[in-house]
Amino acid sequence: MTAATDTPRLAAPRPRGGVVQSLTDSLVIARRNLIRMTRIPEMVIFGLIQPIMFVVLFSYVFGGSMNIGGSTDPSVYRNFLMAGIFAQTVTFATAGSGAGIADDMHKGLIDRFRSLPMARGAVLTGRTLADLVQTALTVVVLAVVALLVGWRVHAGVPKALAAFALLLLLGYAFSWIGALIGLSVRTPEAATSGGLIWLFPVTFVSNAFVDASRMTPWLRHIAEWNPFSATVQACRELFGNPGVSPSDAWPMQHPVWASVIWSLLIIAVFRTLAVRKYRSAT
């Protein structure tokens, strides 16, 4: 028997399977990221300042010049605006998700996680769940600010809660796009830039800040089939806010269903791509 055969071989750790184990691993990673957020409070603070600035600037700078349903009353525009600001806030969190994952990659933390016997998608799922908690906190603070500037819910609390659930589902779906971007670039700075470049056309070529019916026909068609627009339209209906313009496009006629379908489709596609990228990313 040779020396080589006498030396025991250490098998590489194999990830544990099962839905319950995958969920447990994901929650452990989510807890790790939430603890990290509490130790870096400026991450949360800066995440709150930006949407608050959007509310104040859009409400008071553009409020008197926008025609919503034939009215140029600034209070009407503020109520029209808030669904768009909420949706923009949850989607812009995508850039932070991508930057965080890229930072973990840059520091070698992802490589250490992959050497552990945990579910393959747990690291990314845990990260996106932690980002969802931070996004929910931001939305709560933003809702308080919106109430202070005159925004009101006119369709009842249950429908309002359903609207916030749709917003968080959209934010969670977009965070998987951010995860894929974070795994595909080399530095956190590149992840931040790459995470924002595509978000601007998605959020502004929509019905978030202006009535899509006033756009040129080809641009209106894009805006009406934009997943972002479906969520904004759904929120306006559920909040009872003005600006729910009639349209022949199916997502605008059935915005709640369209919002759910778009979000679930994005999660299914980009989670699959992100987990596949996670296995081979270096």
C-alpha atoms as a PDB file:
ATOM      1  CA  MET A   1       0.000   0.000   0.000  1.00  0.00           C
ATOM      2  CA  THR A   2       1.543   3.313  -1.058  1.00  0.00           C
ATOM      3  CA  ALA A   3       1.765   6.487   0.964  1.00  0.00           C
ATOM      4  CA  ALA A   4      -0.753   8.074  -1.345  1.00  0.00           C
ATOM      5  CA  THR A   5      -3.328   5.416  -0.572  1.00  0.00           C
ATOM      6  CA  ASP A   6      -2.627   5.615   3.158  1.00  0.00           C
ATOM      7  CA  THR A   7      -3.533   9.319   3.218  1.00  0.00           C
ATOM      8  CA  PRO A   8      -7.269   9.815   3.727  1.00  0.00           C
ATOM      9  CA  ARG A   9      -8.990  12.034   1.187  1.00  0.00           C
ATOM     10  CA  LEU A  10     -11.194  14.876   2.388  1.00  0.00           C
ATOM     11  CA  ALA A  11     -14.358  15.063   0.374  1.00  0.00           C
ATOM     12  CA  ALA A  12     -15.607  18.513  -0.579  1.00  0.00           C
ATOM     13  CA  PRO A  13     -18.694  19.537   1.403  1.00  0.00           C
ATOM     14  CA  ARG A  14     -21.883  18.855  -0.466  1.00  0.00           C
ATOM     15  CA  PRO A  15     -24.859  21.201  -0.260  1.00  0.00           C
ATOM     16  CA  ARG A  16     -27.770  19.896   1.729  1.00  0.00           C
ATOM     17  CA  GLY A  17     -31.020  19.475  -0.115  1.00  0.00           C
ATOM     18  CA  GLY A  18     -34.667  19.872   0.719  1.00  0.00           C
ATOM     19  CA  VAL A  19     -36.984  22.840   0.740  1.00  0.00           C
ATOM     20  CA  VAL A  20     -36.893  23.181   4.534  1.00  0.00           C
ATOM     21  CA  GLN A  21     -33.099  23.143   4.644  1.00  0.00           C
ATOM     22  CA  SER A  22     -32.900  25.637   1.779  1.00  0.00           C
ATOM     23  CA  LEU A  23     -35.279  27.968   3.631  1.00  0.00           C
ATOM     24  CA  THR A  24     -33.260  27.598   6.851  1.00  0.00           C
ATOM     25  CA  ASP A  25     -30.007  28.429   5.074  1.00  0.00           C
ATOM     26  CA  SER A  26     -31.632  31.413   3.364  1.00  0.00           C
ATOM     27  CA  LEU A  27     -32.910  32.791   6.669  1.00  0.00           C
ATOM     28  CA  VAL A  28     -29.446  32.447   8.216  1.00  0.00           C
ATOM     29  CA  ILE A  29     -27.942  34.483   5.366  1.00  0.00           C
ATOM     30  CA  ALA A  30     -30.783  37.016   5.591  1.00  0.00           C
ATOM     31  CA  ARG A  31     -30.112  37.440   9.314  1.00  0.00           C
ATOM     32  CA  ARG A  32     -26.422  38.000   8.598  1.00  0.00           C
ATOM     33  CA  ASN A  33     -27.235  40.758   6.101  1.00  0.00           C
ATOM     34  CA  LEU A  34     -29.768  42.426   8.412  1.00  0.00           C
ATOM     35  CA  ILE A  35     -27.225  42.507  11.233  1.00  0.00           C
ATOM     36  CA  ARG A  36     -24.737  44.053   8.820  1.00  0.00           C
ATOM     37  CA  MET A  37     -27.268  46.745   7.899  1.00  0.00           C
ATOM     38  CA  THR A  38     -27.769  47.696  11.549  1.00  0.00           C
ATOM     39  CA  ARG A  39     -24.013  48.118  11.931  1.00  0.00           C
ATOM     40  CA  ILE A  40     -23.882  50.425   8.911  1.00  0.00           C
ATOM     41  CA  PRO A  41     -26.881  52.721   9.568  1.00  0.00           C
ATOM     42  CA  GLU A  42     -25.889  55.155   6.831  1.00  0.00           C
ATOM     43  CA  MET A  43     -26.979  52.521   4.295  1.00  0.00           C
ATOM     44  CA  VAL A  44     -30.528  52.752   5.619  1.00  0.00           C
ATOM     45  CA  ILE A  45     -30.450  56.534   6.089  1.00  0.00           C
ATOM     46  CA  PHE A  46     -29.283  57.273   2.539  1.00  0.00           C
ATOM     47  CA  GLY A  47     -31.850  54.803   1.231  1.00  0.00           C
ATOM     48  CA  LEU A  48     -34.556  56.865   2.956  1.00  0.00           C
ATOM     49  CA  ILE A  49     -33.360  60.304   1.889  1.00  0.00           C
ATOM     50  CA  GLN A  50     -33.563  59.766  -1.863  1.00  0.00           C
ATOM     51  CA  PRO A  51     -37.272  58.809  -2.111  1.00  0.00           C
ATOM     52  CA  ILE A  52     -38.199  61.589   0.319  1.00  0.00           C
ATOM     53  CA  MET A  53     -36.424  64.074  -1.955  1.00  0.00           C
ATOM     54  CA  PHE A  54     -38.336  62.724  -4.961  1.00  0.00           C
ATOM     55  CA  VAL A  55     -41.652  63.183  -3.138  1.00  0.00           C
ATOM     56  CA  VAL A  56     -40.915  66.777  -2.177  1.00  0.00           C
ATOM     57  CA  LEU A  57     -39.370  67.815  -5.503  1.00  0.00           C
ATOM     58  CA  PHE A  58     -41.979  66.248  -7.778  1.00  0.00           C
ATOM     59  CA  SER A  59     -44.878  67.365  -5.570  1.00  0.00           C
ATOM     60  CA  TYR A  60     -43.941  71.017  -5.266  1.00  0.00           C
ATOM     61  CA  VAL A  61     -41.872  71.655  -8.411  1.00  0.00           C
ATOM     62  CA  PHE A  62     -44.049  69.881 -10.991  1.00  0.00           C
ATOM     63  CA  GLY A  63     -47.343  69.696  -9.114  1.00  0.00           C
ATOM     64  CA  GLY A  64     -48.879  72.866 -10.520  1.00  0.00           C
ATOM     65  CA  SER A  65     -47.923  72.191 -14.150  1.00  0.00           C
ATOM     66  CA  MET A  66     -49.329  68.673 -14.549  1.00  0.00           C
ATOM     67  CA  ASN A  67     -52.774  68.028 -15.985  1.00  0.00           C
ATOM     68  CA  ILE A  68     -54.309  64.926 -14.407  1.00  0.00           C
ATOM     69  CA  GLY A  69     -57.831  64.081 -15.533  1.00  0.00           C
ATOM     70  CA  GLY A  70     -58.386  67.664 -16.637  1.00  0.00           C
ATOM     71  CA  SER A  71     -57.227  69.134 -13.326  1.00  0.00           C
ATOM     72  CA  THR A  72     -54.045  71.095 -12.644  1.00  0.00           C
ATOM     73  CA  ASP A  73     -54.626  71.141  -8.890  1.00  0.00           C
ATOM     74  CA  PRO A  74     -51.280  70.306  -7.189  1.00  0.00           C
ATOM     75  CA  SER A  75     -53.069  68.128  -4.616  1.00  0.00           C
ATOM     76  CA  VAL A  76     -54.484  65.960  -7.421  1.00  0.00           C
ATOM     77  CA  TYR A  77     -51.013  65.467  -8.860  1.00  0.00           C
ATOM     78  CA  ARG A  78     -49.593  64.567  -5.435  1.00  0.00           C
ATOM     79  CA  ASN A  79     -52.164  61.808  -5.091  1.00  0.00           C
ATOM     80  CA  PHE A  80     -51.459  60.694  -8.668  1.00  0.00           C
ATOM     81  CA  LEU A  81     -47.705  60.772  -8.077  1.00  0.00           C
ATOM     82  CA  MET A  82     -47.357  58.658  -4.965  1.00  0.00           C
ATOM     83  CA  ALA A  83     -48.027  55.269  -6.571  1.00  0.00           C
ATOM     84  CA  GLY A  84     -45.209  56.019  -9.004  1.00  0.00           C
ATOM     85  CA  ILE A  85     -42.838  57.147  -6.252  1.00  0.00           C
ATOM     86  CA  PHE A  86     -43.562  54.025  -4.216  1.00  0.00           C
ATOM     87  CA  ALA A  87     -42.874  51.813  -7.226  1.00  0.00           C
ATOM     88  CA  GLN A  88     -39.721  53.745  -8.117  1.00  0.00           C
ATOM     89  CA  THR A  89     -38.434  53.376  -4.561  1.00  0.00           C
ATOM     90  CA  VAL A  90     -38.808  49.597  -4.431  1.00  0.00           C
ATOM     91  CA  THR A  91     -37.193  49.165  -7.848  1.00  0.00           C
ATOM     92  CA  PHE A  92     -34.275  51.521  -7.229  1.00  0.00           C
ATOM     93  CA  ALA A  93     -33.320  49.295  -4.283  1.00  0.00           C
ATOM     94  CA  THR A  94     -32.160  46.883  -7.002  1.00  0.00           C
ATOM     95  CA  ALA A  95     -28.940  48.845  -7.432  1.00  0.00           C
ATOM     96  CA  GLY A  96     -28.118  48.375  -3.749  1.00  0.00           C
ATOM     97  CA  SER A  97     -28.742  44.636  -4.001  1.00  0.00           C
ATOM     98  CA  GLY A  98     -26.377  44.316  -6.929  1.00  0.00           C
ATOM     99  CA  ALA A  99     -23.696  46.430  -5.290  1.00  0.00           C
ATOM    100  CA  GLY A 100     -23.894  44.395  -2.060  1.00  0.00           C
ATOM    101  CA  ILE A 101     -23.478  41.084  -3.879  1.00  0.00           C
ATOM    102  CA  ALA A 102     -20.648  42.489  -5.997  1.00  0.00           C
ATOM    103  CA  ASP A 103     -18.931  43.672  -2.805  1.00  0.00           C
ATOM    104  CA  ASP A 104     -19.223  40.194  -1.289  1.00  0.00           C
ATOM    105  CA  MET A 105     -17.760  38.742  -4.487  1.00  0.00           C
ATOM    106  CA  HIS A 106     -14.927  41.264  -4.463  1.00  0.00           C
ATOM    107  CA  LYS A 107     -14.011  40.387  -0.865  1.00  0.00           C
ATOM    108  CA  GLY A 108     -14.122  36.634  -1.517  1.00  0.00           C
ATOM    109  CA  LEU A 109     -17.065  36.083   0.798  1.00  0.00           C
ATOM    110  CA  ILE A 110     -19.120  34.349  -1.894  1.00  0.00           C
ATOM    111  CA  ASP A 111     -16.301  31.832  -2.448  1.00  0.00           C
ATOM    112  CA  ARG A 112     -16.298  31.022   1.263  1.00  0.00           C
ATOM    113  CA  PHE A 113     -20.070  30.567   1.247  1.00  0.00           C
ATOM    114  CA  ARG A 114     -19.833  28.213  -1.725  1.00  0.00           C
ATOM    115  CA  SER A 115     -17.381  26.032   0.201  1.00  0.00           C
ATOM    116  CA  LEU A 116     -20.012  25.414   2.896  1.00  0.00           C
ATOM    117  CA  PRO A 117     -22.612  22.625   2.756  1.00  0.00           C
ATOM    118  CA  MET A 118     -25.608  24.872   2.142  1.00  0.00           C
ATOM    119  CA  ALA A 119     -28.277  25.113  -0.515  1.00  0.00           C
ATOM    120  CA  ARG A 120     -26.925  26.681  -3.701  1.00  0.00           C
ATOM    121  CA  GLY A 121     -29.502  29.434  -3.886  1.00  0.00           C
ATOM    122  CA  ALA A 122     -29.506  30.238  -0.156  1.00  0.00           C
ATOM    123  CA  VAL A 123     -26.884  32.999  -0.337  1.00  0.00           C
ATOM    124  CA  LEU A 124     -28.785  34.911  -3.004  1.00  0.00           C
ATOM    125  CA  THR A 125     -32.212  34.227  -1.501  1.00  0.00           C
ATOM    126  CA  GLY A 126     -31.031  35.390   1.906  1.00  0.00           C
ATOM    127  CA  ARG A 127     -29.584  38.551   0.412  1.00  0.00           C
ATOM    128  CA  THR A 128     -32.768  39.395  -1.486  1.00  0.00           C
ATOM    129  CA  LEU A 129     -34.927  38.721   1.593  1.00  0.00           C
ATOM    130  CA  ALA A 130     -32.783  41.067   3.685  1.00  0.00           C
ATOM    131  CA  ASP A 131     -33.074  43.727   0.989  1.00  0.00           C
ATOM    132  CA  LEU A 132     -36.841  43.200   0.990  1.00  0.00           C
ATOM    133  CA  VAL A 133     -36.964  43.980   4.725  1.00  0.00           C
ATOM    134  CA  GLN A 134     -34.981  47.176   4.176  1.00  0.00           C
ATOM    135  CA  THR A 135     -37.249  48.131   1.275  1.00  0.00           C
ATOM    136  CA  ALA A 136     -40.346  47.578   3.428  1.00  0.00           C
ATOM    137  CA  LEU A 137     -38.913  49.905   6.074  1.00  0.00           C
ATOM    138  CA  THR A 138     -38.248  52.542   3.429  1.00  0.00           C
ATOM    139  CA  VAL A 139     -41.804  52.258   2.101  1.00  0.00           C
ATOM    140  CA  VAL A 140     -43.262  52.716   5.596  1.00  0.00           C
ATOM    141  CA  VAL A 141     -41.261  55.914   6.158  1.00  0.00           C
ATOM    142  CA  LEU A 142     -42.125  57.129   2.662  1.00  0.00           C
ATOM    143  CA  ALA A 143     -45.835  56.552   3.292  1.00  0.00           C
ATOM    144  CA  VAL A 144     -45.651  58.743   6.391  1.00  0.00           C
ATOM    145  CA  VAL A 145     -43.958  61.519   4.392  1.00  0.00           C
ATOM    146  CA  ALA A 146     -46.585  61.144   1.659  1.00  0.00           C
ATOM    147  CA  LEU A 147     -49.380  61.575   4.196  1.00  0.00           C
ATOM    148  CA  LEU A 148     -47.690  64.749   5.441  1.00  0.00           C
ATOM    149  CA  VAL A 149     -47.624  66.287   1.944  1.00  0.00           C
ATOM    150  CA  GLY A 150     -51.297  65.491   1.304  1.00  0.00           C
ATOM    151  CA  TRP A 151     -51.489  61.960  -0.115  1.00  0.00           C
ATOM    152  CA  ARG A 152     -54.547  59.987   0.971  1.00  0.00           C
ATOM    153  CA  VAL A 153     -55.951  56.465   0.564  1.00  0.00           C
ATOM    154  CA  HIS A 154     -59.575  56.465  -0.598  1.00  0.00           C
ATOM    155  CA  ALA A 155     -60.333  52.761  -1.127  1.00  0.00           C
ATOM    156  CA  GLY A 156     -59.934  51.359   2.369  1.00  0.00           C
ATOM    157  CA  VAL A 157     -57.117  49.817   4.399  1.00  0.00           C
ATOM    158  CA  PRO A 158     -57.363  46.223   3.032  1.00  0.00           C
ATOM    159  CA  LYS A 159     -56.908  47.406  -0.560  1.00  0.00           C
ATOM    160  CA  ALA A 160     -54.082  49.715   0.506  1.00  0.00           C
ATOM    161  CA  LEU A 161     -52.284  46.793   2.149  1.00  0.00           C
ATOM    162  CA  ALA A 162     -52.770  44.781  -1.040  1.00  0.00           C
ATOM    163  CA  ALA A 163     -51.177  47.627  -3.002  1.00  0.00           C
ATOM    164  CA  PHE A 164     -48.146  47.668  -0.699  1.00  0.00           C
ATOM    165  CA  ALA A 165     -47.889  43.883  -1.083  1.00  0.00           C
ATOM    166  CA  LEU A 166     -47.750  44.300  -4.870  1.00  0.00           C
ATOM    167  CA  LEU A 167     -45.039  46.939  -4.473  1.00  0.00           C
ATOM    168  CA  LEU A 168     -42.896  44.672  -2.301  1.00  0.00           C
ATOM    169  CA  LEU A 169     -43.414  41.773  -4.705  1.00  0.00           C
ATOM    170  CA  LEU A 170     -42.203  43.969  -7.574  1.00  0.00           C
ATOM    171  CA  GLY A 171     -39.217  45.112  -5.519  1.00  0.00           C
ATOM    172  CA  TYR A 172     -38.336  41.523  -4.653  1.00  0.00           C
ATOM    173  CA  ALA A 173     -38.592  40.519  -8.313  1.00  0.00           C
ATOM    174  CA  PHE A 174     -36.304  43.347  -9.422  1.00  0.00           C
ATOM    175  CA  SER A 175     -33.799  42.485  -6.675  1.00  0.00           C
ATOM    176  CA  TRP A 176     -33.083  39.241  -8.549  1.00  0.00           C
ATOM    177  CA  ILE A 177     -32.130  41.315 -11.573  1.00  0.00           C
ATOM    178  CA  GLY A 178     -29.777  43.229  -9.288  1.00  0.00           C
ATOM    179  CA  ALA A 179     -28.360  39.931  -7.979  1.00  0.00           C
ATOM    180  CA  LEU A 180     -27.575  38.792 -11.515  1.00  0.00           C
ATOM    181  CA  ILE A 181     -25.893  42.109 -12.296  1.00  0.00           C
ATOM    182  CA  GLY A 182     -23.869  41.944  -9.066  1.00  0.00           C
ATOM    183  CA  LEU A 183     -22.591  38.480  -9.969  1.00  0.00           C
ATOM    184  CA  SER A 184     -21.752  39.524 -13.536  1.00  0.00           C
ATOM    185  CA  VAL A 185     -19.508  42.553 -12.868  1.00  0.00           C
ATOM    186  CA  ARG A 186     -16.122  42.906 -11.211  1.00  0.00           C
ATOM    187  CA  THR A 187     -16.600  45.770  -8.758  1.00  0.00           C
ATOM    188  CA  PRO A 188     -19.387  47.220  -6.567  1.00  0.00           C
ATOM    189  CA  GLU A 189     -19.079  50.528  -8.441  1.00  0.00           C
ATOM    190  CA  ALA A 190     -19.829  48.786 -11.732  1.00  0.00           C
ATOM    191  CA  ALA A 191     -22.796  47.029 -10.121  1.00  0.00           C
ATOM    192  CA  THR A 192     -24.218  50.351  -8.928  1.00  0.00           C
ATOM    193  CA  SER A 193     -23.848  51.946 -12.371  1.00  0.00           C
ATOM    194  CA  GLY A 194     -25.167  48.883 -14.176  1.00  0.00           C
ATOM    195  CA  GLY A 195     -28.065  48.643 -11.757  1.00  0.00           C
ATOM    196  CA  LEU A 196     -29.202  52.209 -12.435  1.00  0.00           C
ATOM    197  CA  ILE A 197     -28.689  52.483 -16.200  1.00  0.00           C
ATOM    198  CA  TRP A 198     -31.592  50.204 -17.107  1.00  0.00           C
ATOM    199  CA  LEU A 199     -33.821  51.405 -14.253  1.00  0.00           C
ATOM    200  CA  PHE A 200     -34.186  54.959 -15.575  1.00  0.00           C
ATOM    201  CA  PRO A 201     -35.926  54.025 -18.858  1.00  0.00           C
ATOM    202  CA  VAL A 202     -38.031  51.400 -17.066  1.00  0.00           C
ATOM    203  CA  THR A 203     -39.314  53.886 -14.494  1.00  0.00           C
ATOM    204  CA  PHE A 204     -39.637  56.986 -16.679  1.00  0.00           C
ATOM    205  CA  VAL A 205     -41.099  55.336 -19.810  1.00  0.00           C
ATOM    206  CA  SER A 206     -44.151  54.468 -17.769  1.00  0.00           C
ATOM    207  CA  ASN A 207     -47.267  55.955 -16.225  1.00  0.00           C
ATOM    208  CA  ALA A 208     -45.489  56.752 -12.958  1.00  0.00           C
ATOM    209  CA  PHE A 209     -45.005  60.510 -13.342  1.00  0.00           C
ATOM    210  CA  VAL A 210     -47.186  61.465 -16.320  1.00  0.00           C
ATOM    211  CA  ASP A 211     -50.402  60.187 -17.849  1.00  0.00           C
ATOM    212  CA  ALA A 212     -49.363  57.589 -20.454  1.00  0.00           C
ATOM    213  CA  SER A 213     -52.332  58.535 -22.656  1.00  0.00           C
ATOM    214  CA  ARG A 214     -50.554  61.815 -23.445  1.00  0.00           C
ATOM    215  CA  MET A 215     -47.504  60.058 -24.900  1.00  0.00           C
ATOM    216  CA  THR A 216     -46.947  59.436 -28.609  1.00  0.00           C
ATOM    217  CA  PRO A 217     -48.616  56.155 -29.706  1.00  0.00           C
ATOM    218  CA  TRP A 218     -45.459  54.020 -29.966  1.00  0.00           C
ATOM    219  CA  LEU A 219     -44.128  55.246 -26.629  1.00  0.00           C
ATOM    220  CA  ARG A 220     -47.529  54.815 -24.965  1.00  0.00           C
ATOM    221  CA  HIS A 221     -47.624  51.194 -26.159  1.00  0.00           C
ATOM    222  CA  ILE A 222     -44.256  50.514 -24.513  1.00  0.00           C
ATOM    223  CA  ALA A 223     -45.320  52.254 -21.312  1.00  0.00           C
ATOM    224  CA  GLU A 224     -48.584  50.318 -21.074  1.00  0.00           C
ATOM    225  CA  TRP A 225     -46.829  46.944 -21.388  1.00  0.00           C
ATOM    226  CA  ASN A 226     -44.086  47.927 -18.962  1.00  0.00           C
ATOM    227  CA  PRO A 227     -44.223  45.697 -15.813  1.00  0.00           C
ATOM    228  CA  PHE A 228     -43.509  48.813 -13.767  1.00  0.00           C
ATOM    229  CA  SER A 229     -46.604  50.542 -15.220  1.00  0.00           C
ATOM    230  CA  ALA A 230     -48.828  47.591 -14.340  1.00  0.00           C
ATOM    231  CA  THR A 231     -47.882  47.852 -10.670  1.00  0.00           C
ATOM    232  CA  VAL A 232     -48.347  51.630 -10.661  1.00  0.00           C
ATOM    233  CA  GLN A 233     -51.783  51.312 -12.271  1.00  0.00           C
ATOM    234  CA  ALA A 234     -52.742  48.578  -9.800  1.00  0.00           C
ATOM    235  CA  CYS A 235     -51.672  50.710  -6.845  1.00  0.00           C
ATOM    236  CA  ARG A 236     -53.665  53.709  -8.062  1.00  0.00           C
ATOM    237  CA  GLU A 237     -56.762  51.533  -8.303  1.00  0.00           C
ATOM    238  CA  LEU A 238     -56.211  49.970  -4.882  1.00  0.00           C
ATOM    239  CA  PHE A 239     -55.357  53.299  -3.227  1.00  0.00           C
ATOM    240  CA  GLY A 240     -58.304  55.000  -4.938  1.00  0.00           C
ATOM    241  CA  ASN A 241     -55.996  57.686  -6.343  1.00  0.00           C
ATOM    242  CA  PRO A 242     -56.617  59.712  -9.531  1.00  0.00           C
ATOM    243  CA  GLY A 243     -54.930  59.049 -12.852  1.00  0.00           C
ATOM    244  CA  VAL A 244     -56.209  55.554 -13.705  1.00  0.00           C
ATOM    245  CA  SER A 245     -56.518  56.284 -17.413  1.00  0.00           C
ATOM    246  CA  PRO A 246     -58.518  53.954 -19.706  1.00  0.00           C
ATOM    247  CA  SER A 247     -56.530  51.866 -22.155  1.00  0.00           C
ATOM    248  CA  ASP A 248     -56.999  48.972 -24.573  1.00  0.00           C
ATOM    249  CA  ALA A 249     -53.824  47.258 -23.344  1.00  0.00           C
ATOM    250  CA  TRP A 250     -54.532  44.143 -21.233  1.00  0.00           C
ATOM    251  CA  PRO A 251     -52.074  45.077 -18.411  1.00  0.00           C
ATOM    252  CA  MET A 252     -53.846  48.405 -17.958  1.00  0.00           C
ATOM    253  CA  GLN A 253     -57.301  46.802 -17.969  1.00  0.00           C
ATOM    254  CA  HIS A 254     -56.273  44.128 -15.430  1.00  0.00           C
ATOM    255  CA  PRO A 255     -53.373  45.781 -13.606  1.00  0.00           C
ATOM    256  CA  VAL A 256     -53.489  43.712 -10.399  1.00  0.00           C
ATOM    257  CA  TRP A 257     -53.255  40.416 -12.267  1.00  0.00           C
ATOM    258  CA  ALA A 258     -50.688  41.862 -14.662  1.00  0.00           C
ATOM    259  CA  SER A 259     -48.547  43.086 -11.766  1.00  0.00           C
ATOM    260  CA  VAL A 260     -48.574  39.673 -10.075  1.00  0.00           C
ATOM    261  CA  ILE A 261     -47.864  37.797 -13.306  1.00  0.00           C
ATOM    262  CA  TRP A 262     -45.024  40.110 -14.339  1.00  0.00           C
ATOM    263  CA  SER A 263     -43.395  39.942 -10.908  1.00  0.00           C
ATOM    264  CA  LEU A 264     -43.606  36.145 -10.644  1.00  0.00           C
ATOM    265  CA  LEU A 265     -42.273  35.775 -14.184  1.00  0.00           C
ATOM    266  CA  ILE A 266     -39.311  38.045 -13.419  1.00  0.00           C
ATOM    267  CA  ILE A 267     -38.554  36.084 -10.245  1.00  0.00           C
ATOM    268  CA  ALA A 268     -38.705  32.739 -12.068  1.00  0.00           C
ATOM    269  CA  VAL A 269     -36.435  33.857 -14.913  1.00  0.00           C
ATOM    270  CA  PHE A 270     -33.853  35.931 -13.078  1.00  0.00           C
ATOM    271  CA  ARG A 271     -33.602  33.704 -10.002  1.00  0.00           C
ATOM    272  CA  THR A 272     -32.774  30.803 -12.288  1.00  0.00           C
ATOM    273  CA  LEU A 273     -30.157  32.853 -14.147  1.00  0.00           C
ATOM    274  CA  ALA A 274     -28.690  34.291 -10.933  1.00  0.00           C
ATOM    275  CA  VAL A 275     -28.330  30.899  -9.213  1.00  0.00           C
ATOM    276  CA  ARG A 276     -26.733  29.469 -12.349  1.00  0.00           C
ATOM    277  CA  LYS A 277     -24.325  32.412 -12.461  1.00  0.00           C
ATOM    278  CA  TYR A 278     -23.592  32.006  -8.736  1.00  0.00           C
ATOM    279  CA  ARG A 279     -22.324  28.462  -9.310  1.00  0.00           C
ATOM    280  CA  SER A 280     -19.675  29.606 -11.773  1.00  0.00           C
ATOM    281  CA  ALA A 281     -18.938  33.213 -10.725  1.00  0.00           C
ATOM    282  CA  THR A 282     -15.369  33.950  -9.598  1.00  0.00           C
END
